[in-house]
Amino acid sequence: MLLDKPSNHLDLPSLAALEAMLRQYRGTLLVASHDQVLLRQLALDGYLQLGEGSELHVCG
């Protein structure tokens, strides 16, 4: 599943529903987001983080 800024413009109940659905999803997720809280809540196995300039950090 490809998600681009999925938490933008969501109210709290909608955000909670999104997080619950994504935590239950068993497929591969590709999420582009600045929302660090959402990314932590998803408990991803690994992720790529873009740093300043062209830095790329592989985590997990």
C-alpha atoms as a PDB file:
ATOM      1  CA  MET A   1       0.000   0.000   0.000  1.00  0.00           C
ATOM      2  CA  LEU A   2       1.398   3.421  -0.949  1.00  0.00           C
ATOM      3  CA  LEU A   3       0.423   6.345   1.298  1.00  0.00           C
ATOM      4  CA  ASP A   4       1.459   9.964   0.752  1.00  0.00           C
ATOM      5  CA  LYS A   5       1.028  12.070   3.908  1.00  0.00           C
ATOM      6  CA  PRO A   6      -1.922   9.965   5.101  1.00  0.00           C
ATOM      7  CA  SER A   7      -2.466  11.885   8.350  1.00  0.00           C
ATOM      8  CA  ASN A   8      -2.762  15.354   6.791  1.00  0.00           C
ATOM      9  CA  HIS A   9      -6.042  17.130   7.571  1.00  0.00           C
ATOM     10  CA  LEU A  10      -7.485  14.281   9.691  1.00  0.00           C
ATOM     11  CA  ASP A  11      -9.352  14.912  12.927  1.00  0.00           C
ATOM     12  CA  LEU A  12      -8.354  12.835  15.977  1.00  0.00           C
ATOM     13  CA  PRO A  13     -11.020  10.103  15.580  1.00  0.00           C
ATOM     14  CA  SER A  14     -10.114   9.655  11.900  1.00  0.00           C
ATOM     15  CA  LEU A  15      -6.397   9.549  12.738  1.00  0.00           C
ATOM     16  CA  ALA A  16      -7.014   6.881  15.392  1.00  0.00           C
ATOM     17  CA  ALA A  17      -9.009   4.818  12.869  1.00  0.00           C
ATOM     18  CA  LEU A  18      -6.228   5.165  10.277  1.00  0.00           C
ATOM     19  CA  GLU A  19      -3.570   4.060  12.787  1.00  0.00           C
ATOM     20  CA  ALA A  20      -5.645   1.052  13.861  1.00  0.00           C
ATOM     21  CA  MET A  21      -6.256  -0.017  10.264  1.00  0.00           C
ATOM     22  CA  LEU A  22      -2.589   0.349   9.307  1.00  0.00           C
ATOM     23  CA  ARG A  23      -1.378  -1.592  12.368  1.00  0.00           C
ATOM     24  CA  GLN A  24      -3.640  -4.499  11.344  1.00  0.00           C
ATOM     25  CA  TYR A  25      -2.551  -4.415   7.691  1.00  0.00           C
ATOM     26  CA  ARG A  26      -0.237  -7.368   6.976  1.00  0.00           C
ATOM     27  CA  GLY A  27       1.063  -6.285   3.589  1.00  0.00           C
ATOM     28  CA  THR A  28       3.897  -3.952   2.664  1.00  0.00           C
ATOM     29  CA  LEU A  29       3.495  -0.257   3.481  1.00  0.00           C
ATOM     30  CA  LEU A  30       5.296   2.576   1.746  1.00  0.00           C
ATOM     31  CA  VAL A  31       4.484   5.725   3.727  1.00  0.00           C
ATOM     32  CA  ALA A  32       5.707   9.236   2.919  1.00  0.00           C
ATOM     33  CA  SER A  33       5.080  11.352   6.014  1.00  0.00           C
ATOM     34  CA  HIS A  34       6.494  14.077   8.233  1.00  0.00           C
ATOM     35  CA  ASP A  35       4.276  12.810  11.091  1.00  0.00           C
ATOM     36  CA  GLN A  36       6.812  11.154  13.413  1.00  0.00           C
ATOM     37  CA  VAL A  37       4.092  10.193  15.910  1.00  0.00           C
ATOM     38  CA  LEU A  38       2.170   8.275  13.246  1.00  0.00           C
ATOM     39  CA  LEU A  39       5.324   6.518  12.067  1.00  0.00           C
ATOM     40  CA  ARG A  40       6.200   5.469  15.648  1.00  0.00           C
ATOM     41  CA  GLN A  41       2.628   4.237  16.243  1.00  0.00           C
ATOM     42  CA  LEU A  42       2.870   1.971  13.201  1.00  0.00           C
ATOM     43  CA  ALA A  43       5.860   0.123  14.748  1.00  0.00           C
ATOM     44  CA  LEU A  44       7.423  -0.438  11.334  1.00  0.00           C
ATOM     45  CA  ASP A  45      10.063  -3.155  10.902  1.00  0.00           C
ATOM     46  CA  GLY A  46      12.311  -0.681   9.111  1.00  0.00           C
ATOM     47  CA  TYR A  47      12.250   2.640   7.354  1.00  0.00           C
ATOM     48  CA  LEU A  48      14.283   5.121   5.327  1.00  0.00           C
ATOM     49  CA  GLN A  49      14.691   8.640   6.668  1.00  0.00           C
ATOM     50  CA  LEU A  50      15.801  11.519   4.485  1.00  0.00           C
ATOM     51  CA  GLY A  51      18.133  13.955   6.225  1.00  0.00           C
ATOM     52  CA  GLU A  52      19.428  17.384   5.316  1.00  0.00           C
ATOM     53  CA  GLY A  53      20.514  17.615   1.707  1.00  0.00           C
ATOM     54  CA  SER A  54      20.872  14.163   0.238  1.00  0.00           C
ATOM     55  CA  GLU A  55      21.513  12.164   3.444  1.00  0.00           C
ATOM     56  CA  LEU A  56      19.630   8.872   3.626  1.00  0.00           C
ATOM     57  CA  HIS A  57      19.402   6.901   6.872  1.00  0.00           C
ATOM     58  CA  VAL A  58      18.323   3.236   6.880  1.00  0.00           C
ATOM     59  CA  CYS A  59      16.704   2.282  10.187  1.00  0.00           C
ATOM     60  CA  GLY A  60      15.458  -1.041  11.457  1.00  0.00           C
END
